[in-house]
Amino acid sequence: MSTVKVRLVKGLAGKLKTHRKVVHSLGLKKVNQVKELKDCPEVRGQIKKIDYLLEIVE
């Protein structure tokens, strides 16, 4: 199964409540934290919603 690594690059202060919930549902809590997630359509949709807060790590 393929995976994707994401890093939270911006803080959540002043962001929409729904965007903060998506960040927490991905398991990210702190800036510069990296998580390895399974690459599925649900996760890709969450990443697309908050792409301005994340960076894809290769």
PDB file of N, CA and C in Angstrom:
ATOM      1  N   MET A   1       0.843  -1.180   0.000  1.00  0.00           N
ATOM      2  CA  MET A   1       0.000   0.000   0.000  1.00  0.00           C
ATOM      3  C   MET A   1       0.885   1.240   0.000  1.00  0.00           C
ATOM      4  N   SER A   2       0.558   2.191  -0.822  1.00  0.00           N
ATOM      5  CA  SER A   2       1.357   3.406  -0.906  1.00  0.00           C
ATOM      6  C   SER A   2       0.982   4.369   0.216  1.00  0.00           C
ATOM      7  N   THR A   3       1.945   5.219   0.547  1.00  0.00           N
ATOM      8  CA  THR A   3       1.728   6.194   1.606  1.00  0.00           C
ATOM      9  C   THR A   3       2.143   7.575   1.124  1.00  0.00           C
ATOM     10  N   VAL A   4       1.723   8.581   1.853  1.00  0.00           N
ATOM     11  CA  VAL A   4       2.092   9.955   1.563  1.00  0.00           C
ATOM     12  C   VAL A   4       2.496  10.601   2.891  1.00  0.00           C
ATOM     13  N   LYS A   5       3.577  11.365   2.866  1.00  0.00           N
ATOM     14  CA  LYS A   5       4.038  12.067   4.054  1.00  0.00           C
ATOM     15  C   LYS A   5       3.659  13.534   3.931  1.00  0.00           C
ATOM     16  N   VAL A   6       3.063  14.076   4.987  1.00  0.00           N
ATOM     17  CA  VAL A   6       2.668  15.477   4.995  1.00  0.00           C
ATOM     18  C   VAL A   6       3.276  16.164   6.210  1.00  0.00           C
ATOM     19  N   ARG A   7       3.595  17.446   6.037  1.00  0.00           N
ATOM     20  CA  ARG A   7       4.152  18.259   7.118  1.00  0.00           C
ATOM     21  C   ARG A   7       3.283  19.499   7.282  1.00  0.00           C
ATOM     22  N   LEU A   8       2.944  19.817   8.519  1.00  0.00           N
ATOM     23  CA  LEU A   8       2.199  21.033   8.827  1.00  0.00           C
ATOM     24  C   LEU A   8       3.187  22.189   8.850  1.00  0.00           C
ATOM     25  N   VAL A   9       3.027  23.151   7.948  1.00  0.00           N
ATOM     26  CA  VAL A   9       4.004  24.231   7.818  1.00  0.00           C
ATOM     27  C   VAL A   9       3.496  25.568   8.343  1.00  0.00           C
ATOM     28  N   LYS A  10       2.203  25.686   8.631  1.00  0.00           N
ATOM     29  CA  LYS A  10       1.651  26.930   9.167  1.00  0.00           C
ATOM     30  C   LYS A  10       0.838  26.623  10.413  1.00  0.00           C
ATOM     31  N   GLY A  11       0.781  27.577  11.313  1.00  0.00           N
ATOM     32  CA  GLY A  11      -0.010  27.433  12.523  1.00  0.00           C
ATOM     33  C   GLY A  11      -1.494  27.537  12.238  1.00  0.00           C
ATOM     34  N   LEU A  12      -2.300  27.176  13.228  1.00  0.00           N
ATOM     35  CA  LEU A  12      -3.743  27.129  13.049  1.00  0.00           C
ATOM     36  C   LEU A  12      -4.464  28.347  13.598  1.00  0.00           C
ATOM     37  N   ALA A  13      -3.743  29.284  14.170  1.00  0.00           N
ATOM     38  CA  ALA A  13      -4.368  30.472  14.741  1.00  0.00           C
ATOM     39  C   ALA A  13      -5.076  31.275  13.656  1.00  0.00           C
ATOM     40  N   GLY A  14      -6.340  31.585  13.879  1.00  0.00           N
ATOM     41  CA  GLY A  14      -7.110  32.386  12.946  1.00  0.00           C
ATOM     42  C   GLY A  14      -7.656  31.628  11.754  1.00  0.00           C
ATOM     43  N   LYS A  15      -7.473  30.332  11.705  1.00  0.00           N
ATOM     44  CA  LYS A  15      -7.980  29.533  10.585  1.00  0.00           C
ATOM     45  C   LYS A  15      -9.413  29.098  10.863  1.00  0.00           C
ATOM     46  N   LEU A  16     -10.109  28.673   9.837  1.00  0.00           N
ATOM     47  CA  LEU A  16     -11.480  28.207   9.977  1.00  0.00           C
ATOM     48  C   LEU A  16     -11.543  26.975  10.875  1.00  0.00           C
ATOM     49  N   LYS A  17     -12.638  26.862  11.614  1.00  0.00           N
ATOM     50  CA  LYS A  17     -12.801  25.741  12.534  1.00  0.00           C
ATOM     51  C   LYS A  17     -12.794  24.401  11.785  1.00  0.00           C
ATOM     52  N   THR A  18     -13.407  24.367  10.613  1.00  0.00           N
ATOM     53  CA  THR A  18     -13.437  23.119   9.845  1.00  0.00           C
ATOM     54  C   THR A  18     -12.033  22.725   9.388  1.00  0.00           C
ATOM     55  N   HIS A  19     -11.196  23.715   9.058  1.00  0.00           N
ATOM     56  CA  HIS A  19      -9.835  23.418   8.633  1.00  0.00           C
ATOM     57  C   HIS A  19      -9.008  22.912   9.808  1.00  0.00           C
ATOM     58  N   ARG A  20      -9.227  23.466  10.996  1.00  0.00           N
ATOM     59  CA  ARG A  20      -8.525  22.979  12.188  1.00  0.00           C
ATOM     60  C   ARG A  20      -8.906  21.530  12.488  1.00  0.00           C
ATOM     61  N   LYS A  21     -10.190  21.193  12.289  1.00  0.00           N
ATOM     62  CA  LYS A  21     -10.647  19.822  12.521  1.00  0.00           C
ATOM     63  C   LYS A  21     -10.003  18.851  11.536  1.00  0.00           C
ATOM     64  N   VAL A  22      -9.852  19.267  10.291  1.00  0.00           N
ATOM     65  CA  VAL A  22      -9.222  18.407   9.291  1.00  0.00           C
ATOM     66  C   VAL A  22      -7.757  18.148   9.656  1.00  0.00           C
ATOM     67  N   VAL A  23      -7.056  19.194  10.106  1.00  0.00           N
ATOM     68  CA  VAL A  23      -5.657  19.037  10.503  1.00  0.00           C
ATOM     69  C   VAL A  23      -5.544  18.027  11.638  1.00  0.00           C
ATOM     70  N   HIS A  24      -6.418  18.142  12.638  1.00  0.00           N
ATOM     71  CA  HIS A  24      -6.374  17.214  13.760  1.00  0.00           C
ATOM     72  C   HIS A  24      -6.783  15.803  13.345  1.00  0.00           C
ATOM     73  N   SER A  25      -7.696  15.680  12.400  1.00  0.00           N
ATOM     74  CA  SER A  25      -8.099  14.348  11.945  1.00  0.00           C
ATOM     75  C   SER A  25      -6.973  13.648  11.181  1.00  0.00           C
ATOM     76  N   LEU A  26      -6.068  14.435  10.593  1.00  0.00           N
ATOM     77  CA  LEU A  26      -4.897  13.852   9.936  1.00  0.00           C
ATOM     78  C   LEU A  26      -3.824  13.476  10.947  1.00  0.00           C
ATOM     79  N   GLY A  27      -4.008  13.868  12.200  1.00  0.00           N
ATOM     80  CA  GLY A  27      -3.056  13.501  13.242  1.00  0.00           C
ATOM     81  C   GLY A  27      -1.951  14.513  13.444  1.00  0.00           C
ATOM     82  N   LEU A  28      -2.112  15.707  12.909  1.00  0.00           N
ATOM     83  CA  LEU A  28      -1.092  16.744  13.045  1.00  0.00           C
ATOM     84  C   LEU A  28      -1.469  17.680  14.178  1.00  0.00           C
ATOM     85  N   LYS A  29      -0.497  17.985  15.050  1.00  0.00           N
ATOM     86  CA  LYS A  29      -0.779  18.839  16.202  1.00  0.00           C
ATOM     87  C   LYS A  29       0.144  20.035  16.288  1.00  0.00           C
ATOM     88  N   LYS A  30       1.378  19.888  15.827  1.00  0.00           N
ATOM     89  CA  LYS A  30       2.362  20.962  15.953  1.00  0.00           C
ATOM     90  C   LYS A  30       2.926  21.327  14.587  1.00  0.00           C
ATOM     91  N   VAL A  31       3.406  22.541  14.469  1.00  0.00           N
ATOM     92  CA  VAL A  31       4.043  22.995  13.237  1.00  0.00           C
ATOM     93  C   VAL A  31       5.316  22.173  13.027  1.00  0.00           C
ATOM     94  N   ASN A  32       5.590  21.817  11.793  1.00  0.00           N
ATOM     95  CA  ASN A  32       6.732  21.002  11.357  1.00  0.00           C
ATOM     96  C   ASN A  32       6.612  19.528  11.740  1.00  0.00           C
ATOM     97  N   GLN A  33       5.468  19.114  12.243  1.00  0.00           N
ATOM     98  CA  GLN A  33       5.255  17.704  12.522  1.00  0.00           C
ATOM     99  C   GLN A  33       4.982  16.976  11.210  1.00  0.00           C
ATOM    100  N   VAL A  34       5.564  15.792  11.045  1.00  0.00           N
ATOM    101  CA  VAL A  34       5.397  14.997   9.825  1.00  0.00           C
ATOM    102  C   VAL A  34       4.635  13.728  10.168  1.00  0.00           C
ATOM    103  N   LYS A  35       3.642  13.385   9.357  1.00  0.00           N
ATOM    104  CA  LYS A  35       2.880  12.155   9.507  1.00  0.00           C
ATOM    105  C   LYS A  35       2.889  11.401   8.189  1.00  0.00           C
ATOM    106  N   GLU A  36       2.969  10.087   8.284  1.00  0.00           N
ATOM    107  CA  GLU A  36       2.883   9.228   7.113  1.00  0.00           C
ATOM    108  C   GLU A  36       1.485   8.620   7.097  1.00  0.00           C
ATOM    109  N   LEU A  37       0.730   8.925   6.052  1.00  0.00           N
ATOM    110  CA  LEU A  37      -0.661   8.500   5.938  1.00  0.00           C
ATOM    111  C   LEU A  37      -0.841   7.608   4.723  1.00  0.00           C
ATOM    112  N   LYS A  38      -1.845   6.728   4.765  1.00  0.00           N
ATOM    113  CA  LYS A  38      -2.105   5.897   3.590  1.00  0.00           C
ATOM    114  C   LYS A  38      -2.659   6.766   2.476  1.00  0.00           C
ATOM    115  N   ASP A  39      -2.296   6.432   1.268  1.00  0.00           N
ATOM    116  CA  ASP A  39      -2.684   7.221   0.099  1.00  0.00           C
ATOM    117  C   ASP A  39      -4.012   6.698  -0.440  1.00  0.00           C
ATOM    118  N   CYS A  40      -5.113   7.315   0.006  1.00  0.00           N
ATOM    119  CA  CYS A  40      -6.443   6.916  -0.440  1.00  0.00           C
ATOM    120  C   CYS A  40      -7.228   8.184  -0.793  1.00  0.00           C
ATOM    121  N   PRO A  41      -8.330   8.053  -1.500  1.00  0.00           N
ATOM    122  CA  PRO A  41      -9.091   9.231  -1.918  1.00  0.00           C
ATOM    123  C   PRO A  41      -9.567  10.100  -0.755  1.00  0.00           C
ATOM    124  N   GLU A  42      -9.898   9.491   0.376  1.00  0.00           N
ATOM    125  CA  GLU A  42     -10.370  10.265   1.522  1.00  0.00           C
ATOM    126  C   GLU A  42      -9.270  11.177   2.062  1.00  0.00           C
ATOM    127  N   VAL A  43      -8.074  10.633   2.203  1.00  0.00           N
ATOM    128  CA  VAL A  43      -6.947  11.419   2.706  1.00  0.00           C
ATOM    129  C   VAL A  43      -6.546  12.478   1.692  1.00  0.00           C
ATOM    130  N   ARG A  44      -6.550  12.134   0.419  1.00  0.00           N
ATOM    131  CA  ARG A  44      -6.218  13.114  -0.620  1.00  0.00           C
ATOM    132  C   ARG A  44      -7.206  14.288  -0.608  1.00  0.00           C
ATOM    133  N   GLY A  45      -8.483  14.009  -0.352  1.00  0.00           N
ATOM    134  CA  GLY A  45      -9.475  15.075  -0.271  1.00  0.00           C
ATOM    135  C   GLY A  45      -9.231  16.000   0.913  1.00  0.00           C
ATOM    136  N   GLN A  46      -8.840  15.422   2.047  1.00  0.00           N
ATOM    137  CA  GLN A  46      -8.519  16.235   3.218  1.00  0.00           C
ATOM    138  C   GLN A  46      -7.291  17.100   2.958  1.00  0.00           C
ATOM    139  N   ILE A  47      -6.292  16.519   2.309  1.00  0.00           N
ATOM    140  CA  ILE A  47      -5.068  17.263   1.995  1.00  0.00           C
ATOM    141  C   ILE A  47      -5.388  18.417   1.049  1.00  0.00           C
ATOM    142  N   LYS A  48      -6.240  18.163   0.072  1.00  0.00           N
ATOM    143  CA  LYS A  48      -6.591  19.215  -0.894  1.00  0.00           C
ATOM    144  C   LYS A  48      -7.330  20.368  -0.223  1.00  0.00           C
ATOM    145  N   LYS A  49      -8.154  20.057   0.778  1.00  0.00           N
ATOM    146  CA  LYS A  49      -8.931  21.086   1.460  1.00  0.00           C
ATOM    147  C   LYS A  49      -8.032  22.060   2.218  1.00  0.00           C
ATOM    148  N   ILE A  50      -6.929  21.561   2.797  1.00  0.00           N
ATOM    149  CA  ILE A  50      -6.064  22.407   3.613  1.00  0.00           C
ATOM    150  C   ILE A  50      -4.650  22.459   3.018  1.00  0.00           C
ATOM    151  N   ASP A  51      -4.547  22.452   1.697  1.00  0.00           N
ATOM    152  CA  ASP A  51      -3.239  22.402   1.057  1.00  0.00           C
ATOM    153  C   ASP A  51      -2.379  23.626   1.356  1.00  0.00           C
ATOM    154  N   TYR A  52      -2.989  24.748   1.729  1.00  0.00           N
ATOM    155  CA  TYR A  52      -2.214  25.941   2.043  1.00  0.00           C
ATOM    156  C   TYR A  52      -1.517  25.840   3.411  1.00  0.00           C
ATOM    157  N   LEU A  53      -1.890  24.837   4.205  1.00  0.00           N
ATOM    158  CA  LEU A  53      -1.270  24.634   5.514  1.00  0.00           C
ATOM    159  C   LEU A  53      -0.230  23.513   5.506  1.00  0.00           C
ATOM    160  N   LEU A  54      -0.215  22.718   4.439  1.00  0.00           N
ATOM    161  CA  LEU A  54       0.596  21.505   4.397  1.00  0.00           C
ATOM    162  C   LEU A  54       1.676  21.565   3.327  1.00  0.00           C
ATOM    163  N   GLU A  55       2.615  20.663   3.489  1.00  0.00           N
ATOM    164  CA  GLU A  55       3.653  20.435   2.476  1.00  0.00           C
ATOM    165  C   GLU A  55       3.800  18.929   2.326  1.00  0.00           C
ATOM    166  N   ILE A  56       3.837  18.452   1.093  1.00  0.00           N
ATOM    167  CA  ILE A  56       4.039  17.034   0.829  1.00  0.00           C
ATOM    168  C   ILE A  56       5.534  16.758   0.898  1.00  0.00           C
ATOM    169  N   VAL A  57       5.918  15.781   1.728  1.00  0.00           N
ATOM    170  CA  VAL A  57       7.330  15.431   1.911  1.00  0.00           C
ATOM    171  C   VAL A  57       7.607  14.172   1.097  1.00  0.00           C
ATOM    172  N   GLU A  58       8.642  14.204   0.295  1.00  0.00           N
ATOM    173  CA  GLU A  58       9.005  13.036  -0.518  1.00  0.00           C
ATOM    174  C   GLU A  58       9.989  12.151   0.191  1.00  0.00           C
TER     175      GLU A  58
END
